[in-house]
C-alpha atoms as a PDB file:
ATOM      1  CA  MET A   1      -6.987  -3.722 -14.976  1.00  0.00           C
ATOM      2  CA  VAL A   2      -8.868  -6.948 -15.907  1.00  0.00           C
ATOM      3  CA  ALA A   3     -12.659  -7.146 -15.842  1.00  0.00           C
ATOM      4  CA  SER A   4     -13.521  -9.838 -13.451  1.00  0.00           C
ATOM      5  CA  PRO A   5     -15.990 -12.827 -14.883  1.00  0.00           C
ATOM      6  CA  LYS A   6     -18.790 -11.333 -12.748  1.00  0.00           C
ATOM      7  CA  SER A   7     -18.508  -7.767 -14.049  1.00  0.00           C
ATOM      8  CA  VAL A   8     -18.260  -9.003 -17.640  1.00  0.00           C
ATOM      9  CA  MET A   9     -21.428 -11.092 -16.998  1.00  0.00           C
ATOM     10  CA  ALA A  10     -23.055  -8.389 -15.339  1.00  0.00           C
ATOM     11  CA  VAL A  11     -22.667  -6.194 -18.636  1.00  0.00           C
ATOM     12  CA  GLU A  12     -23.623  -8.781 -20.798  1.00  0.00           C
ATOM     13  CA  GLU A  13     -26.748  -9.750 -18.518  1.00  0.00           C
ATOM     14  CA  SER A  14     -27.798  -5.868 -18.545  1.00  0.00           C
ATOM     15  CA  ASP A  15     -27.562  -5.447 -22.362  1.00  0.00           C
ATOM     16  CA  ASP A  16     -31.023  -6.492 -23.175  1.00  0.00           C
ATOM     17  CA  ARG A  17     -30.508  -4.884 -26.769  1.00  0.00           C
ATOM     18  CA  GLN A  18     -28.616  -7.888 -27.685  1.00  0.00           C
ATOM     19  CA  PRO A  19     -30.356 -10.805 -29.490  1.00  0.00           C
ATOM     20  CA  ALA A  20     -30.385 -13.968 -27.377  1.00  0.00           C
ATOM     21  CA  GLN A  21     -27.236 -16.158 -27.839  1.00  0.00           C
ATOM     22  CA  SER A  22     -26.878 -19.869 -27.900  1.00  0.00           C
ATOM     23  CA  PRO A  23     -24.500 -21.450 -25.335  1.00  0.00           C
ATOM     24  CA  ALA A  24     -22.091 -21.946 -28.261  1.00  0.00           C
ATOM     25  CA  GLN A  25     -21.877 -18.431 -29.170  1.00  0.00           C
ATOM     26  CA  GLY A  26     -21.181 -17.687 -25.490  1.00  0.00           C
ATOM     27  CA  LYS A  27     -18.433 -20.036 -25.182  1.00  0.00           C
ATOM     28  CA  ASP A  28     -16.762 -18.859 -28.429  1.00  0.00           C
ATOM     29  CA  ARG A  29     -16.745 -15.219 -26.819  1.00  0.00           C
ATOM     30  CA  LEU A  30     -15.370 -16.611 -23.669  1.00  0.00           C
ATOM     31  CA  ARG A  31     -12.629 -18.466 -25.499  1.00  0.00           C
ATOM     32  CA  LEU A  32     -11.859 -15.120 -27.349  1.00  0.00           C
ATOM     33  CA  TRP A  33     -11.529 -13.296 -24.208  1.00  0.00           C
ATOM     34  CA  ILE A  34      -9.378 -15.886 -22.724  1.00  0.00           C
ATOM     35  CA  ARG A  35      -7.007 -15.977 -25.661  1.00  0.00           C
ATOM     36  CA  LEU A  36      -7.038 -12.110 -25.881  1.00  0.00           C
ATOM     37  CA  LEU A  37      -5.880 -11.794 -22.018  1.00  0.00           C
ATOM     38  CA  ARG A  38      -3.368 -14.730 -22.492  1.00  0.00           C
ATOM     39  CA  VAL A  39      -1.616 -12.809 -25.544  1.00  0.00           C
ATOM     40  CA  SER A  40      -1.774  -9.566 -23.800  1.00  0.00           C
ATOM     41  CA  ARG A  41      -0.417 -11.114 -20.674  1.00  0.00           C
ATOM     42  CA  LEU A  42       2.415 -12.805 -22.595  1.00  0.00           C
ATOM     43  CA  ILE A  43       3.368  -9.545 -24.554  1.00  0.00           C
ATOM     44  CA  GLU A  44       3.135  -7.375 -21.469  1.00  0.00           C
ATOM     45  CA  ALA A  45       5.581  -9.745 -19.498  1.00  0.00           C
ATOM     46  CA  GLU A  46       8.036  -9.773 -22.278  1.00  0.00           C
ATOM     47  CA  LEU A  47       7.978  -5.865 -22.566  1.00  0.00           C
ATOM     48  CA  ARG A  48       8.258  -5.529 -18.681  1.00  0.00           C
ATOM     49  CA  GLU A  49      11.376  -7.636 -18.878  1.00  0.00           C
ATOM     50  CA  ARG A  50      12.938  -6.005 -21.787  1.00  0.00           C
ATOM     51  CA  LEU A  51      12.277  -2.404 -20.567  1.00  0.00           C
ATOM     52  CA  LYS A  52      13.912  -3.425 -17.165  1.00  0.00           C
ATOM     53  CA  ALA A  53      16.911  -5.214 -18.746  1.00  0.00           C
ATOM     54  CA  GLU A  54      17.786  -2.695 -21.502  1.00  0.00           C
ATOM     55  CA  PHE A  55      16.364   0.680 -19.874  1.00  0.00           C
ATOM     56  CA  ASP A  56      16.390  -0.049 -16.225  1.00  0.00           C
ATOM     57  CA  THR A  57      12.722   1.242 -16.313  1.00  0.00           C
ATOM     58  CA  THR A  58       9.356  -0.103 -15.617  1.00  0.00           C
ATOM     59  CA  LEU A  59       6.156  -0.398 -17.777  1.00  0.00           C
ATOM     60  CA  PRO A  60       4.188   2.074 -15.762  1.00  0.00           C
ATOM     61  CA  ARG A  61       7.052   4.640 -15.979  1.00  0.00           C
ATOM     62  CA  PHE A  62       7.091   4.051 -19.699  1.00  0.00           C
ATOM     63  CA  ASP A  63       3.516   4.586 -19.921  1.00  0.00           C
ATOM     64  CA  VAL A  64       3.477   7.892 -18.124  1.00  0.00           C
ATOM     65  CA  MET A  65       6.471   8.890 -20.380  1.00  0.00           C
ATOM     66  CA  ALA A  66       4.323   8.072 -23.311  1.00  0.00           C
ATOM     67  CA  ALA A  67       1.384  10.038 -22.134  1.00  0.00           C
ATOM     68  CA  LEU A  68       3.532  13.253 -21.579  1.00  0.00           C
ATOM     69  CA  TYR A  69       5.418  12.655 -24.890  1.00  0.00           C
ATOM     70  CA  ARG A  70       2.117  12.976 -26.688  1.00  0.00           C
ATOM     71  CA  SER A  71       1.432  16.151 -25.040  1.00  0.00           C
ATOM     72  CA  PRO A  72       4.496  18.316 -25.132  1.00  0.00           C
ATOM     73  CA  GLU A  73       2.646  21.186 -23.449  1.00  0.00           C
ATOM     74  CA  GLY A  74       2.320  18.962 -20.424  1.00  0.00           C
ATOM     75  CA  MET A  75      -0.652  17.486 -18.617  1.00  0.00           C
ATOM     76  CA  LEU A  76      -2.366  18.356 -15.259  1.00  0.00           C
ATOM     77  CA  MET A  77      -1.731  15.216 -12.959  1.00  0.00           C
ATOM     78  CA  SER A  78      -5.497  14.418 -12.677  1.00  0.00           C
ATOM     79  CA  ASP A  79      -5.520  14.343 -16.579  1.00  0.00           C
ATOM     80  CA  LEU A  80      -2.550  11.896 -16.541  1.00  0.00           C
ATOM     81  CA  SER A  81      -4.148   9.553 -14.078  1.00  0.00           C
ATOM     82  CA  ARG A  82      -7.397   9.734 -15.854  1.00  0.00           C
ATOM     83  CA  PHE A  83      -5.974   9.176 -19.274  1.00  0.00           C
ATOM     84  CA  LEU A  84      -3.805   6.006 -17.806  1.00  0.00           C
ATOM     85  CA  LEU A  85      -6.798   4.656 -15.813  1.00  0.00           C
ATOM     86  CA  VAL A  86      -4.910   4.678 -12.614  1.00  0.00           C
ATOM     87  CA  SER A  87      -5.326   6.357  -9.199  1.00  0.00           C
ATOM     88  CA  ASN A  88      -3.757   9.943  -8.613  1.00  0.00           C
ATOM     89  CA  GLY A  89      -1.455   8.326  -5.903  1.00  0.00           C
ATOM     90  CA  ASN A  90      -0.124   5.729  -8.568  1.00  0.00           C
ATOM     91  CA  VAL A  91       0.698   8.402 -10.881  1.00  0.00           C
ATOM     92  CA  THR A  92       2.422  10.860  -8.099  1.00  0.00           C
ATOM     93  CA  GLY A  93       4.675   8.108  -6.994  1.00  0.00           C
ATOM     94  CA  ILE A  94       5.826   7.514 -10.569  1.00  0.00           C
ATOM     95  CA  VAL A  95       6.132  11.249 -11.284  1.00  0.00           C
ATOM     96  CA  ASP A  96       8.233  11.908  -8.268  1.00  0.00           C
ATOM     97  CA  ARG A  97      10.610   9.505  -9.337  1.00  0.00           C
ATOM     98  CA  LEU A  98      10.752  10.784 -12.996  1.00  0.00           C
ATOM     99  CA  VAL A  99      11.334  14.248 -11.593  1.00  0.00           C
ATOM    100  CA  ALA A 100      14.222  12.745  -9.377  1.00  0.00           C
ATOM    101  CA  ASP A 101      15.697  11.040 -12.432  1.00  0.00           C
ATOM    102  CA  GLY A 102      15.448  14.648 -14.352  1.00  0.00           C
ATOM    103  CA  PHE A 103      13.003  13.021 -16.967  1.00  0.00           C
ATOM    104  CA  VAL A 104       9.807  15.242 -15.857  1.00  0.00           C
ATOM    105  CA  VAL A 105       9.230  18.727 -14.580  1.00  0.00           C
ATOM    106  CA  ARG A 106       6.351  19.802 -12.423  1.00  0.00           C
ATOM    107  CA  ALA A 107       5.197  23.466 -12.962  1.00  0.00           C
ATOM    108  CA  GLN A 108       2.352  25.224 -11.012  1.00  0.00           C
ATOM    109  CA  ARG A 109      -0.823  25.906 -12.989  1.00  0.00           C
ATOM    110  CA  GLU A 110      -1.099  29.694 -13.349  1.00  0.00           C
ATOM    111  CA  GLY A 111      -3.655  30.702 -10.798  1.00  0.00           C
ATOM    112  CA  ASP A 112      -3.961  27.754  -8.966  1.00  0.00           C
ATOM    113  CA  ARG A 113      -1.316  26.543  -6.653  1.00  0.00           C
ATOM    114  CA  ARG A 114      -3.040  23.385  -5.774  1.00  0.00           C
ATOM    115  CA  THR A 115      -2.671  21.787  -9.210  1.00  0.00           C
ATOM    116  CA  SER A 116       0.654  21.178 -11.304  1.00  0.00           C
ATOM    117  CA  ILE A 117       1.378  20.341 -14.750  1.00  0.00           C
ATOM    118  CA  VAL A 118       4.075  17.904 -15.441  1.00  0.00           C
ATOM    119  CA  SER A 119       6.176  17.449 -18.838  1.00  0.00           C
ATOM    120  CA  LEU A 120       8.817  15.657 -20.247  1.00  0.00           C
ATOM    121  CA  THR A 121      12.266  17.303 -19.943  1.00  0.00           C
ATOM    122  CA  GLY A 122      14.591  17.140 -22.847  1.00  0.00           C
ATOM    123  CA  ALA A 123      16.462  14.281 -21.348  1.00  0.00           C
ATOM    124  CA  GLY A 124      13.008  12.783 -20.723  1.00  0.00           C
ATOM    125  CA  SER A 125      12.055  13.085 -24.322  1.00  0.00           C
ATOM    126  CA  ALA A 126      15.351  11.732 -25.553  1.00  0.00           C
ATOM    127  CA  ALA A 127      15.311   8.659 -23.230  1.00  0.00           C
ATOM    128  CA  PHE A 128      11.548   7.992 -24.288  1.00  0.00           C
ATOM    129  CA  ALA A 129      12.181   8.346 -27.878  1.00  0.00           C
ATOM    130  CA  ALA A 130      14.985   5.688 -27.430  1.00  0.00           C
ATOM    131  CA  MET A 131      12.535   3.365 -25.440  1.00  0.00           C
ATOM    132  CA  ALA A 132       9.753   3.755 -27.806  1.00  0.00           C
ATOM    133  CA  ALA A 133      11.832   2.878 -30.742  1.00  0.00           C
ATOM    134  CA  ALA A 134      12.858  -0.421 -28.927  1.00  0.00           C
ATOM    135  CA  HIS A 135       9.374  -0.909 -27.590  1.00  0.00           C
ATOM    136  CA  GLU A 136       7.871  -0.926 -31.174  1.00  0.00           C
ATOM    137  CA  GLY A 137      10.582  -3.302 -32.482  1.00  0.00           C
ATOM    138  CA  TRP A 138       9.807  -5.677 -29.608  1.00  0.00           C
ATOM    139  CA  VAL A 139       5.865  -5.627 -30.285  1.00  0.00           C
ATOM    140  CA  ASN A 140       6.647  -6.022 -33.979  1.00  0.00           C
ATOM    141  CA  ALA A 141       8.810  -9.048 -33.298  1.00  0.00           C
ATOM    142  CA  ALA A 142       6.223 -10.594 -30.804  1.00  0.00           C
ATOM    143  CA  LEU A 143       3.321 -10.077 -33.597  1.00  0.00           C
ATOM    144  CA  ALA A 144       5.600 -11.095 -36.573  1.00  0.00           C
ATOM    145  CA  GLY A 145       3.135 -13.721 -37.447  1.00  0.00           C
ATOM    146  CA  VAL A 146       0.357 -11.438 -38.114  1.00  0.00           C
ATOM    147  CA  SER A 147       0.321  -9.787 -41.432  1.00  0.00           C
ATOM    148  CA  GLN A 148      -0.189  -6.063 -41.904  1.00  0.00           C
ATOM    149  CA  ASP A 149      -3.582  -6.564 -43.201  1.00  0.00           C
ATOM    150  CA  GLU A 150      -4.520  -8.898 -40.253  1.00  0.00           C
ATOM    151  CA  ALA A 151      -3.184  -6.244 -37.897  1.00  0.00           C
ATOM    152  CA  ARG A 152      -5.126  -3.572 -39.335  1.00  0.00           C
ATOM    153  CA  GLN A 153      -8.415  -5.712 -39.312  1.00  0.00           C
ATOM    154  CA  LEU A 154      -7.838  -7.095 -35.684  1.00  0.00           C
ATOM    155  CA  ALA A 155      -7.097  -3.171 -34.497  1.00  0.00           C
ATOM    156  CA  GLY A 156     -10.507  -2.273 -36.261  1.00  0.00           C
ATOM    157  CA  PHE A 157     -12.361  -4.798 -34.660  1.00  0.00           C
ATOM    158  CA  MET A 158     -10.935  -3.677 -31.273  1.00  0.00           C
ATOM    159  CA  LYS A 159     -11.590  -0.293 -32.043  1.00  0.00           C
ATOM    160  CA  ALA A 160     -15.240  -1.001 -32.745  1.00  0.00           C
ATOM    161  CA  PHE A 161     -15.586  -3.124 -29.735  1.00  0.00           C
ATOM    162  CA  ARG A 162     -14.005  -0.477 -27.511  1.00  0.00           C
ATOM    163  CA  SER A 163     -16.380   2.275 -29.060  1.00  0.00           C
ATOM    164  CA  ASN A 164     -19.495   0.045 -28.500  1.00  0.00           C
ATOM    165  CA  TRP A 165     -18.530  -0.691 -24.963  1.00  0.00           C
ATOM    166  CA  GLU A 166     -17.521   2.663 -23.875  1.00  0.00           C
ATOM    167  CA  THR A 167     -20.747   4.174 -25.306  1.00  0.00           C
ATOM    168  CA  GLY A 168     -22.645   1.318 -23.730  1.00  0.00           C
ATOM    169  CA  VAL A 169     -24.212  -0.050 -27.135  1.00  0.00           C
END
């Protein structure tokens, strides 16, 4: 989900802990935001195309499988949707299709029949491992012009930004 200009502005305006900025600083940050968004959209579009062409799958299915791959013990559906930052309804439809394809299994949570835990099957883990290897190669190719040191530095900046943004600092 992309923050609208209004929501970004509201966050900036409400943050009175930041020193006053010049119009030039604001424009530089706006340009940065536009570049980040453009690069993200271009790479995401390429990944969507390749996942469809080579694995006949979608990026949302890949994302669900990635989350489950990281949690071999399984995840509650509510935790999965929270982790992916999407609605329960979106996750339910994707999980239903993955179950039908034999990649995911649902189990009732002990003592609570209203909730279910989902996890990858053996076939799901194997399929995801193949997709993940290809995905990593595609991302590496897309970012081939970025050195390893630059990648680490940019990732550090993004991590610091996310931490500050999430904590409201």
